[in-house]
N, C-alpha and C. Protein backbone atom coordinates (compact mmCIF):
# COMPACT_ATOMS: atom_id res chain seq x y z
N MET A 1 0.87 -1.17 -0.02
CA MET A 1 -0.02 0.08 -0.07
C MET A 1 0.88 1.29 0.04
N ALA A 2 0.55 2.17 -0.85
CA ALA A 2 1.28 3.35 -1.02
C ALA A 2 0.94 4.33 -0.05
N LYS A 3 1.76 5.19 0.31
CA LYS A 3 1.46 6.11 1.37
C LYS A 3 2.48 7.39 1.07
N ARG A 4 1.97 8.65 1.17
CA ARG A 4 2.76 9.83 1.01
C ARG A 4 3.79 9.81 2.11
N ALA A 5 4.97 10.09 1.71
CA ALA A 5 6.03 10.20 2.75
C ALA A 5 6.27 11.74 3.10
N ASP A 6 6.71 11.87 4.25
CA ASP A 6 7.08 13.26 4.66
C ASP A 6 8.40 13.54 3.90
N ALA A 7 8.28 14.54 3.16
CA ALA A 7 9.60 14.91 2.26
C ALA A 7 10.72 15.45 3.45
N SER A 8 10.23 15.90 4.50
CA SER A 8 11.30 16.36 5.38
C SER A 8 12.05 15.12 6.20
N ALA A 9 11.52 14.05 5.84
CA ALA A 9 12.09 12.74 6.33
C ALA A 9 13.52 12.78 6.10
N GLY A 10 14.02 13.56 5.27
CA GLY A 10 15.43 13.92 5.16
C GLY A 10 16.40 12.90 4.72
N THR A 11 16.28 12.47 3.49
CA THR A 11 17.48 11.57 3.02
C THR A 11 18.26 12.61 2.24
N PRO A 12 19.52 12.37 1.79
CA PRO A 12 20.28 13.35 1.15
C PRO A 12 19.63 13.59 -0.20
N ALA A 13 18.82 12.72 -0.78
CA ALA A 13 18.10 13.01 -2.06
C ALA A 13 17.09 14.10 -1.84
N THR A 14 16.22 14.01 -0.79
CA THR A 14 15.20 15.14 -0.58
C THR A 14 15.71 16.31 -0.22
N VAL A 15 16.85 16.29 0.63
CA VAL A 15 17.59 17.42 1.01
C VAL A 15 18.08 18.18 -0.35
N ALA A 16 18.72 17.38 -1.15
CA ALA A 16 19.26 17.95 -2.51
C ALA A 16 18.28 18.58 -3.31
N LEU A 17 17.14 17.97 -3.47
CA LEU A 17 16.12 18.40 -4.35
C LEU A 17 15.54 19.65 -3.67
N SER A 18 15.16 19.75 -2.39
CA SER A 18 14.62 20.86 -1.68
C SER A 18 15.64 22.12 -1.86
N ARG A 19 17.01 21.82 -1.71
CA ARG A 19 17.95 22.87 -1.77
C ARG A 19 17.90 23.54 -3.22
N ALA A 20 17.81 22.64 -4.19
CA ALA A 20 17.93 23.09 -5.59
C ALA A 20 16.41 23.55 -6.16
N GLY A 21 15.59 23.67 -5.15
CA GLY A 21 14.13 24.25 -5.56
C GLY A 21 13.51 23.33 -6.70
N ILE A 22 13.68 22.08 -6.66
CA ILE A 22 13.02 21.22 -7.54
C ILE A 22 11.73 20.64 -6.93
N ALA A 23 10.74 20.67 -7.82
CA ALA A 23 9.31 20.01 -7.21
C ALA A 23 9.55 18.53 -7.37
N PHE A 24 9.02 17.89 -6.23
CA PHE A 24 9.05 16.44 -6.17
C PHE A 24 8.07 15.88 -5.25
N THR A 25 7.58 14.65 -5.48
CA THR A 25 6.77 14.05 -4.56
C THR A 25 7.32 12.78 -4.03
N ALA A 26 7.45 12.62 -2.63
CA ALA A 26 7.96 11.61 -1.93
C ALA A 26 6.81 10.51 -1.73
N LEU A 27 6.92 9.13 -2.09
CA LEU A 27 5.97 8.32 -1.91
C LEU A 27 6.67 7.13 -1.16
N GLY A 28 5.97 6.67 -0.09
CA GLY A 28 6.79 5.61 0.70
C GLY A 28 5.79 4.30 0.57
N TYR A 29 6.46 3.24 0.94
CA TYR A 29 5.63 1.91 0.82
C TYR A 29 6.51 0.98 1.84
N ASP A 30 5.71 -0.05 2.24
CA ASP A 30 6.40 -1.01 3.19
C ASP A 30 7.22 -1.98 2.41
N HIS A 31 8.54 -1.74 2.57
CA HIS A 31 9.48 -2.58 1.88
C HIS A 31 9.48 -4.04 2.50
N ASP A 32 9.40 -5.08 1.59
CA ASP A 32 9.52 -6.48 1.92
C ASP A 32 11.00 -6.91 1.74
N PRO A 33 11.63 -7.18 3.02
CA PRO A 33 13.07 -7.61 2.92
C PRO A 33 13.26 -8.78 1.92
N ARG A 34 12.20 -9.63 1.68
CA ARG A 34 12.45 -10.80 0.89
C ARG A 34 12.32 -10.39 -0.63
N ALA A 35 12.04 -9.21 -1.03
CA ALA A 35 11.85 -8.71 -2.37
C ALA A 35 13.23 -9.07 -3.11
N ALA A 36 13.05 -9.71 -4.28
CA ALA A 36 14.27 -9.75 -5.23
C ALA A 36 14.58 -8.70 -5.98
N ALA A 37 13.58 -8.07 -6.43
CA ALA A 37 13.80 -6.91 -7.42
C ALA A 37 13.22 -5.60 -6.76
N TYR A 38 14.12 -4.80 -6.31
CA TYR A 38 13.62 -3.70 -5.60
C TYR A 38 12.74 -2.71 -6.45
N GLY A 39 13.22 -2.45 -7.46
CA GLY A 39 12.42 -1.47 -8.42
C GLY A 39 11.01 -2.00 -8.84
N LEU A 40 11.10 -3.32 -9.14
CA LEU A 40 9.73 -3.83 -9.49
C LEU A 40 8.82 -3.90 -8.32
N GLU A 41 9.31 -4.14 -7.05
CA GLU A 41 8.67 -4.14 -5.87
C GLU A 41 7.93 -2.65 -5.70
N ALA A 42 8.74 -1.65 -5.97
CA ALA A 42 8.26 -0.30 -5.85
C ALA A 42 7.15 -0.05 -6.77
N ALA A 43 7.42 -0.45 -8.09
CA ALA A 43 6.10 -0.22 -9.07
C ALA A 43 5.00 -1.03 -8.54
N GLU A 44 5.07 -2.22 -8.14
CA GLU A 44 4.01 -2.96 -7.72
C GLU A 44 3.14 -2.39 -6.50
N LYS A 45 3.95 -2.12 -5.45
CA LYS A 45 3.43 -1.65 -4.25
C LYS A 45 2.76 -0.21 -4.38
N LEU A 46 3.36 0.64 -5.30
CA LEU A 46 2.94 1.96 -5.52
C LEU A 46 1.81 2.03 -6.64
N GLY A 47 1.57 0.99 -7.16
CA GLY A 47 0.59 0.84 -8.38
C GLY A 47 0.96 1.67 -9.50
N LEU A 48 2.29 1.60 -9.89
CA LEU A 48 2.78 2.51 -10.95
C LEU A 48 3.25 1.47 -12.12
N ASP A 49 3.21 2.24 -13.34
CA ASP A 49 3.69 1.62 -14.68
C ASP A 49 5.16 1.41 -14.49
N PRO A 50 5.49 0.19 -14.59
CA PRO A 50 7.12 -0.10 -14.45
C PRO A 50 7.83 0.81 -15.42
N ASP A 51 7.28 1.15 -16.53
CA ASP A 51 8.02 2.03 -17.52
C ASP A 51 8.42 3.40 -16.93
N ARG A 52 7.71 3.87 -15.93
CA ARG A 52 7.94 5.11 -15.20
C ARG A 52 8.70 5.16 -14.01
N VAL A 53 9.08 3.89 -13.59
CA VAL A 53 9.79 3.59 -12.42
C VAL A 53 11.26 3.13 -12.84
N PHE A 54 12.18 3.98 -12.34
CA PHE A 54 13.64 3.76 -12.80
C PHE A 54 14.59 3.27 -11.64
N LYS A 55 15.46 2.45 -12.03
CA LYS A 55 16.51 1.96 -11.02
C LYS A 55 17.90 2.67 -11.20
N THR A 56 18.51 2.84 -10.22
CA THR A 56 19.76 3.43 -10.34
C THR A 56 20.92 2.34 -9.99
N LEU A 57 21.78 2.19 -11.13
CA LEU A 57 22.78 1.17 -11.07
C LEU A 57 24.26 1.92 -11.27
N LEU A 58 25.20 1.43 -10.63
CA LEU A 58 26.52 1.95 -10.71
C LEU A 58 27.37 0.92 -11.47
N ALA A 59 28.09 1.47 -12.39
CA ALA A 59 29.07 0.74 -13.30
C ALA A 59 30.40 1.37 -13.15
N SER A 60 31.35 0.55 -13.68
CA SER A 60 32.74 1.15 -13.88
C SER A 60 33.03 1.11 -15.21
N VAL A 61 33.29 2.52 -15.76
CA VAL A 61 33.48 2.67 -17.09
C VAL A 61 35.05 3.06 -17.29
N ASP A 62 35.78 2.16 -17.96
CA ASP A 62 37.02 2.25 -18.02
C ASP A 62 37.71 2.53 -16.75
N GLY A 63 37.28 2.03 -15.73
CA GLY A 63 37.87 2.26 -14.38
C GLY A 63 37.41 3.33 -13.46
N ALA A 64 36.53 4.03 -14.14
CA ALA A 64 35.80 5.11 -13.30
C ALA A 64 34.26 4.89 -13.22
N LEU A 65 33.88 5.11 -11.91
CA LEU A 65 32.37 4.81 -11.51
C LEU A 65 31.55 5.89 -12.35
N ALA A 66 30.33 5.36 -12.77
CA ALA A 66 29.39 6.19 -13.37
C ALA A 66 27.98 5.59 -12.98
N VAL A 67 26.80 6.37 -13.16
CA VAL A 67 25.65 6.06 -12.83
C VAL A 67 24.63 5.86 -14.11
N GLY A 68 24.00 4.73 -14.16
CA GLY A 68 23.19 4.41 -15.21
C GLY A 68 21.70 4.35 -14.54
N ILE A 69 20.74 5.04 -15.17
CA ILE A 69 19.26 4.99 -14.56
C ILE A 69 18.39 4.41 -15.76
N VAL A 70 17.73 3.38 -15.54
CA VAL A 70 16.99 2.57 -16.52
C VAL A 70 15.65 2.21 -15.92
N PRO A 71 14.62 1.96 -16.81
CA PRO A 71 13.32 1.45 -16.24
C PRO A 71 13.49 0.17 -15.52
N VAL A 72 12.89 -0.04 -14.46
CA VAL A 72 13.00 -1.24 -13.62
C VAL A 72 12.81 -2.54 -14.40
N ALA A 73 12.03 -2.60 -15.37
CA ALA A 73 11.80 -3.86 -16.02
C ALA A 73 12.80 -4.12 -17.09
N MET A 74 13.80 -3.30 -17.37
CA MET A 74 14.82 -3.48 -18.33
C MET A 74 16.21 -3.64 -17.54
N GLN A 75 17.22 -3.85 -18.34
CA GLN A 75 18.49 -4.04 -17.90
C GLN A 75 19.42 -2.73 -18.53
N LEU A 76 20.45 -2.58 -17.81
CA LEU A 76 21.36 -1.55 -18.16
C LEU A 76 22.35 -2.15 -19.26
N ASP A 77 22.33 -1.61 -20.41
CA ASP A 77 23.28 -2.00 -21.58
C ASP A 77 24.62 -1.27 -21.22
N LEU A 78 25.62 -2.26 -20.84
CA LEU A 78 26.76 -1.67 -20.37
C LEU A 78 27.64 -1.17 -21.59
N LYS A 79 27.55 -1.60 -22.74
CA LYS A 79 28.34 -1.11 -23.83
C LYS A 79 27.75 0.25 -24.24
N SER A 80 26.37 0.50 -24.19
CA SER A 80 25.67 1.66 -24.52
C SER A 80 26.17 2.91 -23.37
N LEU A 81 26.32 2.30 -22.15
CA LEU A 81 26.55 3.27 -21.19
C LEU A 81 28.10 3.80 -21.31
N ALA A 82 28.88 2.80 -21.63
CA ALA A 82 30.39 3.19 -22.03
C ALA A 82 30.31 4.14 -23.15
N ALA A 83 29.68 3.94 -24.19
CA ALA A 83 29.69 4.76 -25.39
C ALA A 83 29.19 6.10 -24.89
N ALA A 84 27.95 6.11 -24.22
CA ALA A 84 27.42 7.44 -23.84
C ALA A 84 28.44 8.38 -23.11
N LEU A 85 29.37 7.56 -22.27
CA LEU A 85 30.26 8.45 -21.60
C LEU A 85 31.63 8.51 -22.25
N GLY A 86 31.74 8.17 -23.52
CA GLY A 86 32.96 8.22 -24.25
C GLY A 86 33.96 7.15 -23.90
N GLY A 87 33.52 6.15 -23.20
CA GLY A 87 34.45 5.12 -22.87
C GLY A 87 34.33 3.86 -23.81
N LYS A 88 35.21 2.77 -23.46
CA LYS A 88 35.21 1.61 -24.32
C LYS A 88 34.59 0.38 -23.61
N ARG A 89 34.80 0.27 -22.29
CA ARG A 89 34.27 -0.89 -21.64
C ARG A 89 33.65 -0.60 -20.26
N ALA A 90 32.62 -1.29 -19.98
CA ALA A 90 31.87 -1.10 -18.68
C ALA A 90 31.65 -2.44 -17.94
N GLU A 91 31.54 -2.37 -16.62
CA GLU A 91 31.15 -3.50 -15.92
C GLU A 91 30.51 -3.08 -14.65
N MET A 92 29.55 -3.88 -14.22
CA MET A 92 28.71 -3.56 -12.98
C MET A 92 29.76 -3.26 -11.82
N ALA A 93 29.46 -2.23 -10.90
CA ALA A 93 30.33 -2.05 -9.84
C ALA A 93 29.97 -3.07 -8.85
N ASP A 94 31.09 -3.33 -7.91
CA ASP A 94 30.82 -4.02 -6.77
C ASP A 94 29.90 -3.44 -5.84
N PRO A 95 28.85 -4.19 -5.32
CA PRO A 95 27.78 -3.52 -4.39
C PRO A 95 28.39 -2.78 -3.22
N ALA A 96 29.50 -3.26 -2.60
CA ALA A 96 30.15 -2.61 -1.56
C ALA A 96 30.70 -1.30 -2.00
N VAL A 97 31.28 -1.29 -3.10
CA VAL A 97 31.80 0.09 -3.66
C VAL A 97 30.66 1.01 -3.88
N ALA A 98 29.71 0.49 -4.48
CA ALA A 98 28.43 1.29 -4.74
C ALA A 98 27.88 1.96 -3.59
N GLU A 99 27.96 1.35 -2.47
CA GLU A 99 27.28 1.83 -1.25
C GLU A 99 28.23 2.82 -0.62
N ARG A 100 29.54 2.45 -0.70
CA ARG A 100 30.53 3.46 -0.06
C ARG A 100 30.63 4.72 -0.92
N LYS A 101 30.46 4.64 -2.13
CA LYS A 101 30.65 5.94 -2.98
C LYS A 101 29.37 6.86 -3.04
N THR A 102 28.19 6.10 -2.95
CA THR A 102 27.00 6.88 -2.81
C THR A 102 26.54 7.30 -1.57
N GLY A 103 26.83 6.48 -0.48
CA GLY A 103 26.24 6.81 0.84
C GLY A 103 24.88 6.18 1.03
N TYR A 104 24.49 5.44 0.10
CA TYR A 104 23.22 4.67 0.10
C TYR A 104 23.37 3.14 0.12
N VAL A 105 22.33 2.35 0.70
CA VAL A 105 22.36 0.93 0.42
C VAL A 105 21.81 0.46 -0.79
N VAL A 106 22.22 -0.68 -1.26
CA VAL A 106 21.82 -1.28 -2.42
C VAL A 106 20.34 -1.53 -2.21
N GLY A 107 19.54 -1.07 -3.25
CA GLY A 107 18.07 -1.21 -3.19
C GLY A 107 17.48 0.09 -2.71
N GLY A 108 18.21 1.02 -2.33
CA GLY A 108 17.91 2.34 -2.00
C GLY A 108 18.78 3.41 -2.52
N ILE A 109 19.55 3.09 -3.43
CA ILE A 109 20.56 3.98 -4.06
C ILE A 109 19.76 5.09 -4.96
N SER A 110 19.79 6.20 -4.47
CA SER A 110 19.20 7.31 -5.37
C SER A 110 20.21 7.87 -6.20
N PRO A 111 19.92 8.42 -7.38
CA PRO A 111 20.81 9.16 -8.23
C PRO A 111 20.99 10.51 -7.84
N ILE A 112 20.31 10.95 -6.85
CA ILE A 112 20.41 12.30 -6.22
C ILE A 112 20.88 12.39 -4.90
N GLY A 113 21.94 13.30 -4.69
CA GLY A 113 22.49 13.49 -3.33
C GLY A 113 23.44 12.41 -2.99
N GLN A 114 24.10 11.77 -3.86
CA GLN A 114 25.19 10.87 -3.60
C GLN A 114 26.42 11.62 -2.96
N LYS A 115 26.99 10.87 -2.14
CA LYS A 115 28.20 11.35 -1.46
C LYS A 115 29.34 11.78 -2.34
N THR A 116 29.53 11.13 -3.52
CA THR A 116 30.52 11.39 -4.59
C THR A 116 29.64 11.68 -5.84
N ALA A 117 29.78 12.96 -6.37
CA ALA A 117 29.20 13.14 -7.65
C ALA A 117 29.78 12.33 -8.75
N LEU A 118 29.07 11.67 -9.51
CA LEU A 118 29.42 10.80 -10.51
C LEU A 118 28.75 11.08 -11.95
N PRO A 119 29.54 10.75 -12.98
CA PRO A 119 28.84 11.05 -14.46
C PRO A 119 27.53 10.08 -14.34
N THR A 120 26.37 10.78 -14.81
CA THR A 120 25.03 10.17 -14.78
C THR A 120 24.37 10.25 -16.13
N VAL A 121 23.90 9.01 -16.49
CA VAL A 121 23.21 8.72 -17.62
C VAL A 121 21.79 8.25 -17.55
N LEU A 122 20.82 8.94 -17.89
CA LEU A 122 19.48 8.51 -17.85
C LEU A 122 18.87 8.03 -19.13
N ASP A 123 18.28 6.76 -19.12
CA ASP A 123 17.69 6.30 -20.31
C ASP A 123 16.96 7.11 -21.14
N GLU A 124 17.02 7.35 -22.35
CA GLU A 124 16.15 8.33 -23.09
C GLU A 124 14.67 7.99 -23.17
N SER A 125 14.28 6.79 -22.70
CA SER A 125 12.86 6.52 -22.60
C SER A 125 12.16 7.49 -21.60
N ALA A 126 12.91 7.90 -20.64
CA ALA A 126 12.32 8.90 -19.67
C ALA A 126 11.62 9.96 -20.21
N ILE A 127 12.11 10.57 -21.37
CA ILE A 127 11.61 11.70 -22.12
C ILE A 127 10.23 11.57 -22.48
N LEU A 128 9.68 10.18 -22.57
CA LEU A 128 8.26 9.92 -22.94
C LEU A 128 7.38 10.25 -21.82
N HIS A 129 7.82 10.60 -20.63
CA HIS A 129 6.99 10.73 -19.50
C HIS A 129 7.22 12.06 -18.92
N GLU A 130 5.98 12.64 -18.42
CA GLU A 130 6.08 13.96 -17.72
C GLU A 130 6.81 14.05 -16.47
N THR A 131 6.62 12.76 -15.71
CA THR A 131 7.42 12.51 -14.60
C THR A 131 7.72 11.13 -14.47
N ILE A 132 8.78 10.87 -13.67
CA ILE A 132 9.31 9.46 -13.50
C ILE A 132 9.57 9.37 -11.98
N TYR A 133 9.77 8.06 -11.63
CA TYR A 133 10.05 7.81 -10.16
C TYR A 133 11.51 7.18 -10.03
N VAL A 134 12.20 7.64 -9.02
CA VAL A 134 13.51 6.96 -8.71
C VAL A 134 13.57 6.79 -7.32
N SER A 135 14.59 6.03 -6.73
CA SER A 135 14.79 5.91 -5.37
C SER A 135 15.00 7.13 -4.62
N GLY A 136 14.30 7.40 -3.47
CA GLY A 136 14.42 8.39 -2.61
C GLY A 136 15.66 8.34 -1.59
N GLY A 137 16.49 7.23 -1.64
CA GLY A 137 17.58 7.17 -0.82
C GLY A 137 17.45 6.11 0.25
N ARG A 138 16.46 5.41 0.24
CA ARG A 138 16.26 4.25 1.14
C ARG A 138 15.19 3.31 0.57
N ARG A 139 15.28 2.05 1.06
CA ARG A 139 14.26 1.09 0.46
C ARG A 139 12.94 1.50 1.13
N GLY A 140 11.91 1.39 0.21
CA GLY A 140 10.61 1.80 0.50
C GLY A 140 10.33 3.32 0.25
N LEU A 141 11.10 3.99 -0.38
CA LEU A 141 10.87 5.48 -0.65
C LEU A 141 11.20 5.77 -2.09
N ASP A 142 10.35 6.30 -2.77
CA ASP A 142 10.51 6.62 -4.20
C ASP A 142 10.14 8.26 -4.25
N LEU A 143 10.79 8.81 -5.27
CA LEU A 143 10.60 10.26 -5.60
C LEU A 143 10.07 10.35 -7.04
N GLU A 144 8.96 11.17 -7.12
CA GLU A 144 8.56 11.46 -8.38
C GLU A 144 8.97 12.94 -8.73
N LEU A 145 9.53 12.95 -10.04
CA LEU A 145 9.95 14.28 -10.50
C LEU A 145 10.04 14.22 -12.02
N ALA A 146 10.21 15.46 -12.67
CA ALA A 146 10.43 15.49 -14.03
C ALA A 146 11.80 15.00 -14.44
N PRO A 147 11.91 14.29 -15.61
CA PRO A 147 13.17 13.69 -15.98
C PRO A 147 14.19 14.94 -16.12
N ASP A 148 13.70 15.84 -16.73
CA ASP A 148 14.70 17.09 -16.91
C ASP A 148 15.23 17.63 -15.66
N ASP A 149 14.40 17.63 -14.64
CA ASP A 149 14.79 18.03 -13.30
C ASP A 149 15.80 17.11 -12.63
N LEU A 150 15.74 15.81 -12.89
CA LEU A 150 16.52 14.87 -12.57
C LEU A 150 17.89 15.13 -13.09
N LEU A 151 18.03 15.31 -14.33
CA LEU A 151 19.21 15.66 -14.98
C LEU A 151 19.88 16.85 -14.64
N ALA A 152 19.04 17.81 -14.26
CA ALA A 152 19.61 19.13 -13.76
C ALA A 152 20.32 18.99 -12.51
N VAL A 153 19.73 18.13 -11.55
CA VAL A 153 20.29 18.14 -10.24
C VAL A 153 21.38 17.09 -10.10
N THR A 154 21.47 16.31 -11.17
CA THR A 154 22.60 15.33 -11.19
C THR A 154 23.72 15.72 -12.28
N ALA A 155 23.41 16.65 -12.91
CA ALA A 155 24.30 17.20 -14.04
C ALA A 155 24.50 15.97 -15.07
N GLY A 156 23.31 15.37 -15.34
CA GLY A 156 23.25 14.15 -16.17
C GLY A 156 22.91 14.36 -17.60
N ARG A 157 22.82 13.28 -18.31
CA ARG A 157 22.45 13.34 -19.71
C ARG A 157 21.50 12.13 -20.10
N TYR A 158 20.91 12.42 -21.33
CA TYR A 158 19.94 11.31 -21.79
C TYR A 158 20.86 10.58 -22.81
N ALA A 159 20.60 9.32 -22.95
CA ALA A 159 21.20 8.32 -23.85
C ALA A 159 20.47 6.99 -23.82
N PRO A 160 20.53 6.29 -24.98
CA PRO A 160 19.76 4.97 -25.13
C PRO A 160 20.67 3.88 -24.39
N ILE A 161 20.49 3.75 -22.97
CA ILE A 161 21.19 2.86 -22.29
C ILE A 161 20.50 1.65 -21.74
N ALA A 162 19.24 1.32 -22.09
CA ALA A 162 18.47 0.31 -21.53
C ALA A 162 18.28 -0.78 -22.62
N ARG A 163 18.19 -1.92 -22.19
CA ARG A 163 17.83 -2.98 -23.17
C ARG A 163 16.95 -4.07 -22.49
N THR A 164 16.02 -4.77 -23.22
CA THR A 164 15.02 -5.59 -22.56
C THR A 164 15.95 -6.85 -22.12
N ARG A 165 15.23 -7.49 -21.04
CA ARG A 165 15.90 -8.57 -20.27
C ARG A 165 16.04 -9.82 -21.24
């Protein structure tokens, strides 16, 4: 069951959006620790179209960390992410490294308000939607915002980086 979350609940993501003056809506849900796919769980529990719910993934592109944001029902295309960032090779980052660099736990990694600013790429499918949903910085919290606002606050860019499973 979805519930409006108190935006002042204060994750680094909500604080960063508030400081930047970006409009967003925080939506909370009761996270099931047994859930295998955090993003799909969010879409289901919040009653949202999975095409509008995006997951945040960290990858190493030519040895440097980067953020790829793709719809939850799709996969990150590592070759496309590398190409979007001018790199040759990409591989998924170790979860422990992802947590340390972002300050968030896996399943709750937000692209916003990370401890270390990283190059960020949002799948171009996001432009089809007025608003999208991304993790709010903890499991059980998603944020609704305009894709252009997400890119503004993360200094990111659009690129075709998603592929079907």
